[in-house]
Protein backbone atom coordinates (compact mmCIF):
# COMPACT_ATOMS: atom_id res chain seq x y z
CA MET A 1 -54.21 -79.04 9.57
CA SER A 2 -55.35 -75.39 8.59
CA LEU A 3 -53.35 -73.10 6.95
CA ARG A 4 -54.12 -69.00 7.38
CA LEU A 5 -54.29 -67.40 4.44
CA ARG A 6 -53.58 -63.41 4.45
CA ASN A 7 -55.23 -61.31 2.09
CA PRO A 8 -53.29 -60.16 -0.44
CA LEU A 9 -54.99 -57.02 -0.13
CA ASN A 10 -53.88 -56.75 3.52
CA LEU A 11 -50.20 -56.15 1.64
CA LEU A 12 -51.09 -53.15 0.15
CA ARG A 13 -53.14 -51.06 3.35
CA SER A 14 -50.73 -49.38 5.51
CA GLN A 15 -51.24 -48.42 8.93
CA ALA A 16 -49.70 -44.87 11.12
CA ILE A 17 -48.07 -45.00 14.85
CA ALA A 18 -46.48 -42.75 16.66
CA LEU A 19 -44.00 -44.25 19.02
CA ASP A 20 -42.07 -42.88 21.59
CA ALA A 21 -39.63 -45.95 23.51
CA GLY A 22 -37.43 -44.19 26.20
CA SER A 23 -35.10 -45.46 28.89
CA GLY A 24 -38.31 -45.85 31.05
CA ARG A 25 -41.45 -46.37 28.98
CA THR A 26 -42.69 -47.16 25.63
CA ILE A 27 -45.86 -45.14 24.35
CA ILE A 28 -47.51 -46.29 21.20
CA THR A 29 -50.55 -43.94 19.46
CA ASN A 30 -52.51 -43.72 16.42
CA GLN A 31 -52.63 -40.57 13.97
CA GLN A 32 -55.71 -39.65 16.33
CA SER A 33 -53.51 -39.53 19.25
CA GLU A 34 -55.38 -42.23 21.25
CA VAL A 35 -52.92 -44.28 23.23
CA LEU A 36 -52.70 -48.09 22.62
CA LEU A 37 -49.74 -48.70 24.61
CA ASP A 38 -48.18 -47.34 27.52
CA GLU A 39 -45.48 -49.92 29.04
CA PRO A 40 -42.32 -49.99 30.43
CA SER A 41 -39.44 -50.44 28.44
CA VAL A 42 -38.13 -53.93 30.12
CA ILE A 43 -37.44 -57.66 28.27
CA ALA A 44 -37.28 -60.86 30.11
CA ILE A 45 -35.55 -62.71 28.28
CA GLU A 46 -33.85 -66.64 28.89
CA HIS A 47 -30.52 -67.16 29.30
CA GLY A 48 -29.32 -69.03 26.66
CA THR A 49 -32.16 -69.80 24.82
CA GLY A 50 -32.83 -65.89 24.16
CA ALA A 51 -36.74 -67.02 24.37
CA VAL A 52 -38.78 -63.97 25.32
CA ILE A 53 -40.14 -64.56 28.93
CA ALA A 54 -41.61 -61.13 29.80
CA THR A 55 -42.17 -57.48 28.35
CA GLY A 56 -43.45 -54.63 29.68
CA ALA A 57 -44.84 -54.33 33.13
CA GLU A 58 -44.50 -57.98 33.96
CA ALA A 59 -40.84 -57.96 33.17
CA LYS A 60 -40.38 -55.19 35.39
CA SER A 61 -42.10 -56.80 38.22
CA TYR A 62 -38.80 -58.91 37.98
CA LEU A 63 -36.46 -56.56 38.61
CA GLY A 64 -34.53 -58.00 41.60
CA LYS A 65 -35.89 -61.06 42.06
CA ALA A 66 -35.63 -62.92 38.89
CA PRO A 67 -33.31 -66.03 39.21
CA GLU A 68 -30.02 -66.55 37.27
CA ARG A 69 -31.67 -68.44 34.28
CA ILE A 70 -33.95 -64.79 33.27
CA GLN A 71 -32.21 -61.63 32.29
CA VAL A 72 -34.43 -58.76 32.48
CA ILE A 73 -32.59 -56.12 30.08
CA ARG A 74 -33.47 -52.39 29.92
CA PRO A 75 -32.39 -52.29 26.20
CA ILE A 76 -32.89 -48.14 25.54
CA GLN A 77 -30.79 -46.50 27.52
CA ALA A 78 -30.29 -42.43 27.78
CA GLY A 79 -32.68 -42.25 24.73
CA VAL A 80 -29.83 -44.67 22.73
CA ILE A 81 -30.21 -48.55 21.91
CA VAL A 82 -27.68 -50.73 23.91
CA ASP A 83 -29.12 -54.15 23.18
CA PHE A 84 -30.14 -54.23 19.35
CA ASP A 85 -32.06 -57.86 19.30
CA SER A 86 -33.36 -57.11 22.81
CA ALA A 87 -35.26 -53.43 21.52
CA LYS A 88 -36.15 -55.18 18.56
CA ALA A 89 -38.05 -58.62 20.15
CA MET A 90 -39.13 -56.28 22.91
CA LEU A 91 -40.86 -53.43 19.79
CA ARG A 92 -41.99 -56.43 18.04
CA ILE A 93 -44.01 -57.76 20.77
CA PHE A 94 -45.49 -54.18 21.71
CA PHE A 95 -45.90 -53.59 17.99
CA LYS A 96 -48.53 -57.07 17.59
CA ARG A 97 -50.02 -55.69 20.65
CA VAL A 98 -51.59 -52.78 19.07
CA LEU A 99 -51.72 -53.91 15.06
CA PRO A 100 -53.90 -56.34 13.59
CA ASP A 101 -51.93 -59.44 12.83
CA ASP A 102 -52.70 -59.90 9.11
CA GLY A 103 -50.25 -59.09 7.13
CA SER A 104 -50.96 -55.06 6.71
CA ARG A 105 -47.89 -52.59 6.38
CA PHE A 106 -47.13 -50.30 8.85
CA LYS A 107 -45.08 -47.06 9.30
CA VAL A 108 -43.76 -45.47 12.63
CA CYS A 109 -42.96 -42.13 13.40
CA ALA A 110 -40.69 -42.44 16.41
CA VAL A 111 -39.34 -39.95 18.93
CA VAL A 112 -35.97 -39.67 19.48
CA CYS A 113 -33.22 -37.37 21.59
CA HIS A 114 -32.05 -34.02 19.16
CA GLY A 115 -28.73 -35.01 20.96
CA ILE A 116 -27.67 -38.41 19.73
CA THR A 117 -26.00 -39.01 16.83
CA ALA A 118 -27.11 -39.36 13.58
CA LEU A 119 -25.75 -43.24 13.61
CA GLU A 120 -27.58 -43.39 16.71
CA LYS A 121 -30.73 -42.73 14.85
CA ARG A 122 -30.31 -44.35 12.63
CA THR A 123 -30.13 -47.56 14.50
CA PHE A 124 -33.23 -46.97 16.04
CA ALA A 125 -35.16 -46.71 12.75
CA ASP A 126 -33.17 -49.76 11.40
CA CYS A 127 -34.73 -51.60 14.69
CA CYS A 128 -38.07 -50.21 14.12
CA LYS A 129 -37.90 -51.79 10.88
CA ALA A 130 -36.16 -55.15 11.97
CA ALA A 131 -39.45 -55.10 14.48
CA GLY A 132 -42.01 -55.33 11.54
CA ALA A 133 -42.29 -51.67 10.40
CA ALA A 134 -42.18 -50.80 6.47
CA ARG A 135 -41.37 -47.94 6.57
CA VAL A 136 -39.85 -45.35 9.70
CA ASP A 137 -39.52 -41.60 10.18
CA LEU A 138 -38.15 -39.85 12.88
CA VAL A 139 -38.73 -36.48 14.97
CA ASP A 140 -36.75 -34.80 17.60
CA ALA A 141 -38.33 -34.87 20.66
CA PRO A 142 -37.75 -31.29 21.78
CA LEU A 143 -40.04 -30.40 18.32
CA ALA A 144 -42.14 -32.85 19.08
CA ALA A 145 -42.60 -32.74 22.78
CA ALA A 146 -43.15 -28.44 21.62
CA VAL A 147 -45.99 -29.69 18.95
CA GLY A 148 -47.85 -32.16 21.49
CA ALA A 149 -47.81 -29.32 24.19
CA GLY A 150 -49.36 -26.65 21.41
CA LEU A 151 -46.85 -24.27 21.39
CA ASP A 152 -46.87 -22.23 17.94
CA ILE A 153 -43.05 -23.61 16.52
CA ARG A 154 -43.20 -21.59 13.63
CA GLN A 155 -43.05 -18.27 14.78
CA ALA A 156 -39.57 -16.00 14.50
CA LYS A 157 -39.84 -16.45 18.41
CA GLY A 158 -37.85 -18.46 21.00
CA ARG A 159 -39.22 -21.40 23.05
CA LEU A 160 -36.94 -22.76 25.93
CA LEU A 161 -38.09 -26.80 26.71
CA LEU A 162 -36.40 -28.92 29.09
CA GLY A 163 -37.09 -32.81 28.48
CA ILE A 164 -36.58 -34.96 31.93
CA GLY A 165 -36.29 -38.52 31.02
CA ALA A 166 -35.89 -41.58 32.51
CA GLY A 167 -32.19 -41.26 31.83
CA LEU A 168 -31.54 -38.50 30.09
CA ALA A 169 -32.51 -34.28 30.16
CA GLU A 170 -32.34 -32.83 26.94
CA ALA A 171 -32.59 -28.59 27.32
CA SER A 172 -33.56 -27.09 23.77
CA VAL A 173 -34.12 -23.88 22.35
CA LEU A 174 -36.51 -23.71 19.64
CA CYS A 175 -37.43 -20.70 16.99
CA LEU A 176 -39.08 -21.19 13.23
CA SER A 177 -39.78 -24.97 13.60
CA ASP A 178 -36.40 -26.22 14.36
CA VAL A 179 -34.16 -26.56 17.19
CA VAL A 180 -31.49 -23.54 17.36
CA TYR A 181 -29.06 -25.52 20.33
CA SER A 182 -29.54 -28.31 22.64
CA GLU A 183 -27.68 -29.49 25.29
CA THR A 184 -28.44 -32.94 26.96
CA ALA A 185 -27.12 -34.63 30.10
CA ARG A 186 -27.42 -37.72 32.16
CA ILE A 187 -29.76 -36.63 34.30
CA GLY A 188 -33.26 -38.03 34.51
CA ALA A 189 -35.74 -39.88 36.70
CA GLU A 190 -33.35 -42.85 37.03
CA VAL A 191 -30.84 -40.56 38.52
CA PHE A 192 -33.60 -38.94 41.21
CA HIS A 193 -34.71 -42.58 42.42
CA GLU A 194 -30.36 -43.22 43.19
CA SER A 195 -30.44 -39.77 44.65
CA VAL A 196 -33.63 -41.18 46.96
CA THR A 197 -31.85 -44.49 47.60
CA GLN A 198 -28.74 -42.52 48.56
CA HIS A 199 -31.01 -40.39 50.59
CA LEU A 200 -32.50 -43.16 52.68
CA ALA A 201 -29.19 -45.46 52.75
CA ALA A 202 -27.17 -42.29 54.87
CA ARG A 203 -30.42 -41.55 57.06
CA TYR A 204 -32.05 -44.55 58.23
CA LYS A 205 -29.49 -47.35 57.27
CA VAL A 206 -32.17 -49.32 54.64
CA ALA A 207 -31.78 -50.46 51.11
CA ILE A 208 -34.09 -50.78 48.64
CA GLY A 209 -34.48 -51.71 45.15
CA GLU A 210 -35.23 -50.12 41.85
CA ASN A 211 -38.92 -50.20 41.73
CA MET A 212 -39.23 -49.41 45.69
CA ALA A 213 -37.29 -46.06 44.80
CA GLU A 214 -38.93 -45.17 41.61
CA GLN A 215 -42.34 -45.66 43.84
CA THR A 216 -40.63 -43.54 46.28
CA THR A 217 -39.80 -40.55 44.27
CA ILE A 218 -43.33 -40.91 43.26
CA GLN A 219 -44.99 -40.99 45.99
CA LEU A 220 -42.75 -38.92 48.32
CA ALA A 221 -39.80 -36.71 46.63
CA TRP A 222 -40.19 -33.10 46.41
CA ALA A 223 -38.44 -30.17 45.19
CA GLU A 224 -40.89 -27.83 46.43
CA ARG A 225 -42.75 -28.67 49.77
CA PRO A 226 -46.09 -30.02 49.30
CA ALA A 227 -49.16 -28.59 50.94
CA GLU A 228 -50.26 -31.18 52.43
CA THR A 229 -48.36 -34.19 53.97
CA ARG A 230 -48.13 -37.59 51.92
CA ARG A 231 -47.11 -40.56 53.73
CA MET A 232 -46.71 -44.33 52.51
CA THR A 233 -44.52 -47.31 53.59
CA LEU A 234 -41.38 -48.31 52.63
CA THR A 235 -39.99 -51.74 52.42
CA GLY A 236 -36.69 -52.84 52.27
CA LYS A 237 -34.06 -54.15 54.29
CA TYR A 238 -31.35 -52.50 57.20
CA SER A 239 -27.74 -52.32 55.45
CA GLY A 240 -25.98 -53.92 58.68
CA SER A 241 -28.01 -56.77 59.33
CA GLY A 242 -29.98 -57.79 56.18
CA THR A 243 -33.21 -57.70 58.38
CA PRO A 244 -36.62 -56.90 56.43
CA CYS A 245 -37.87 -53.57 57.28
CA ALA A 246 -41.16 -51.70 57.04
CA LEU A 247 -40.88 -47.98 57.67
CA GLU A 248 -43.39 -45.58 57.52
CA LEU A 249 -42.28 -42.42 56.14
CA THR A 250 -43.61 -38.31 54.89
CA ASP A 251 -42.88 -36.14 52.73
CA ASP A 252 -40.30 -34.96 55.22
CA ASP A 253 -38.55 -37.85 55.51
CA LEU A 254 -37.20 -36.52 51.84
CA GLU A 255 -36.17 -33.50 52.40
CA GLY A 256 -33.13 -32.14 50.29
CA ALA A 257 -33.44 -35.99 48.69
CA LEU A 258 -33.16 -34.20 45.14
CA ASP A 259 -30.97 -31.39 45.86
CA GLY A 260 -28.43 -32.43 43.86
CA PRO A 261 -30.34 -33.11 40.94
CA LEU A 262 -32.29 -29.81 40.91
CA ASP A 263 -28.60 -28.55 40.62
CA MET A 264 -27.59 -30.72 37.89
CA LEU A 265 -30.70 -29.66 36.08
CA GLU A 266 -30.67 -25.66 36.97
CA ALA A 267 -26.47 -26.09 35.60
CA LEU A 268 -27.74 -27.69 32.44
CA VAL A 269 -30.34 -24.86 31.41
CA ARG A 270 -28.12 -22.19 32.29
CA LYS A 271 -25.76 -24.03 29.86
CA ALA A 272 -28.26 -23.88 26.79
CA MET A 273 -28.87 -20.79 27.43
CA ASP A 274 -25.75 -19.10 27.73
CA LYS A 275 -24.98 -20.85 24.26
CA THR A 276 -28.72 -19.58 22.76
CA PRO A 277 -28.06 -15.96 20.61
CA ALA A 278 -29.36 -12.90 22.84
CA GLU A 279 -32.07 -11.91 21.15
CA LEU A 280 -33.66 -15.27 21.53
CA VAL A 281 -32.83 -15.26 25.19
CA ALA A 282 -34.71 -11.98 25.25
CA ASP A 283 -38.01 -13.99 24.01
CA ILE A 284 -37.77 -16.74 26.45
CA ALA A 285 -38.10 -14.26 29.15
CA ASP A 286 -41.21 -13.66 27.93
CA THR A 287 -42.60 -17.18 27.00
CA GLY A 288 -41.05 -18.99 29.80
CA LEU A 289 -39.66 -22.16 30.35
CA VAL A 290 -41.78 -25.81 29.70
CA LEU A 291 -40.82 -28.71 31.21
CA TYR A 292 -42.07 -32.38 29.90
CA GLY A 293 -40.92 -35.62 29.88
CA GLY A 294 -41.74 -38.38 32.86
CA GLY A 295 -39.14 -36.68 35.04
CA ALA A 296 -40.92 -33.58 35.27
CA GLN A 297 -43.75 -34.95 37.03
CA ILE A 298 -41.68 -34.48 40.46
CA HIS A 299 -44.35 -32.18 43.00
CA GLY A 300 -42.62 -28.36 42.90
CA LEU A 301 -40.13 -28.86 40.24
CA ASP A 302 -42.00 -26.17 38.09
CA ILE A 303 -41.92 -23.70 41.24
CA ALA A 304 -38.41 -24.44 42.28
CA LEU A 305 -36.56 -24.29 38.95
CA GLY A 306 -38.25 -21.29 38.34
CA ALA A 307 -37.36 -19.89 41.13
CA ARG A 308 -33.46 -20.64 40.39
CA LEU A 309 -34.00 -19.54 37.02
CA GLY A 310 -35.78 -16.82 37.22
CA LEU A 311 -38.34 -17.37 34.23
CA ARG A 312 -41.70 -18.19 34.20
CA THR A 313 -41.98 -21.89 33.74
CA ARG A 314 -44.94 -24.65 33.97
CA VAL A 315 -45.02 -28.43 33.34
CA ALA A 316 -46.67 -29.42 29.94
CA GLN A 317 -49.96 -31.54 30.26
CA GLU A 318 -50.38 -34.77 30.19
CA PRO A 319 -45.67 -34.06 30.38
CA SER A 320 -44.70 -38.15 29.71
CA LYS A 321 -46.92 -38.18 26.37
CA VAL A 322 -46.43 -34.78 24.84
CA ALA A 323 -43.50 -35.91 22.55
CA VAL A 324 -45.55 -38.96 21.30
CA LEU A 325 -48.56 -36.45 20.62
CA GLY A 326 -46.43 -34.46 19.02
CA ALA A 327 -45.01 -37.18 16.53
CA ALA A 328 -48.87 -38.59 16.26
CA ALA A 329 -49.46 -34.63 15.00
CA THR A 330 -47.00 -35.52 11.92
CA LEU A 331 -48.61 -38.43 11.06
CA ARG A 332 -51.66 -36.08 9.97
CA PRO A 333 -51.44 -34.81 6.67
CA ASP A 334 -53.71 -31.87 7.37
CA LEU A 335 -51.58 -30.28 10.54
CA ASP A 336 -48.43 -29.74 7.99
CA PHE A 337 -45.63 -30.59 10.58
CA LYS A 338 -43.54 -33.06 8.27
CA LYS A 339 -41.58 -30.71 8.20
CA LEU A 340 -40.46 -31.51 11.57
CA LEU A 341 -38.90 -34.70 10.74
CA VAL A 342 -35.37 -35.81 10.58
CA LYS A 343 -33.97 -35.52 7.14
């Protein structure tokens, strides 16, 4: 039997990664903002033994299909760790995928929602440490996203951002490198998927699974009608008989499916602006609204919200990655973003 000896010098070395572990996806980058991992935040565990069967995309494919002996778990929901042990196991595997298993110490800068409690933020840091990190710094998602989107938040000028993740939406006003005011609500991509599911159930009497609902939302749902018709084949079952079905759908079939979530997002932003000082709201009339997060990729969402709010609205480039890219910037001493870290 051979023993694998670790070089003690590796224990003195330290690597750094940025982490955005949300309800929907976990993204890891290095200090140079190169994406090392982008996987669904899902883990499949054998019931009883606790053995990990799959993580990421493979585990997500088990949703709605796994037998009773396999638990498919989303350990992070609405920006909060709801299953510490499962989150720890998932993150440990993800860390091992992107870092050499040679005993080197590594630190993590992790994105967290601004609106969660101090205890929930501390739990997130503790989970990362339990998964193997030697040191964990936290950065609020709106600040990280603003940096990742290239906004100059050091100025005495108000900026309005709306982050739409899988399970949470966060409307934040920033000024002088800090969050002046923030409002959160459980409105996110998962709500979009549920609205699409309910719309199709009411219109066609069909039932679809979670993965099909997500696929339909991405490919066909819209907030502003697209110029060119999009099509897809939806598979599921008829609610009355339980028999399989395959429907050819277009954008027209999803008309009005997202009206409810749009109303909620509009109300969330208006609530945040109502609580914001008038001087900053005057700035926002000039700087506009920036959308980020995976849910911001709904077709025409920027146009629809901009029209409702009377604000110039745009989607950040690579909206699902801007927060982790901002976290990566805090790892670089030459950029001087350490002041953004949660104290």
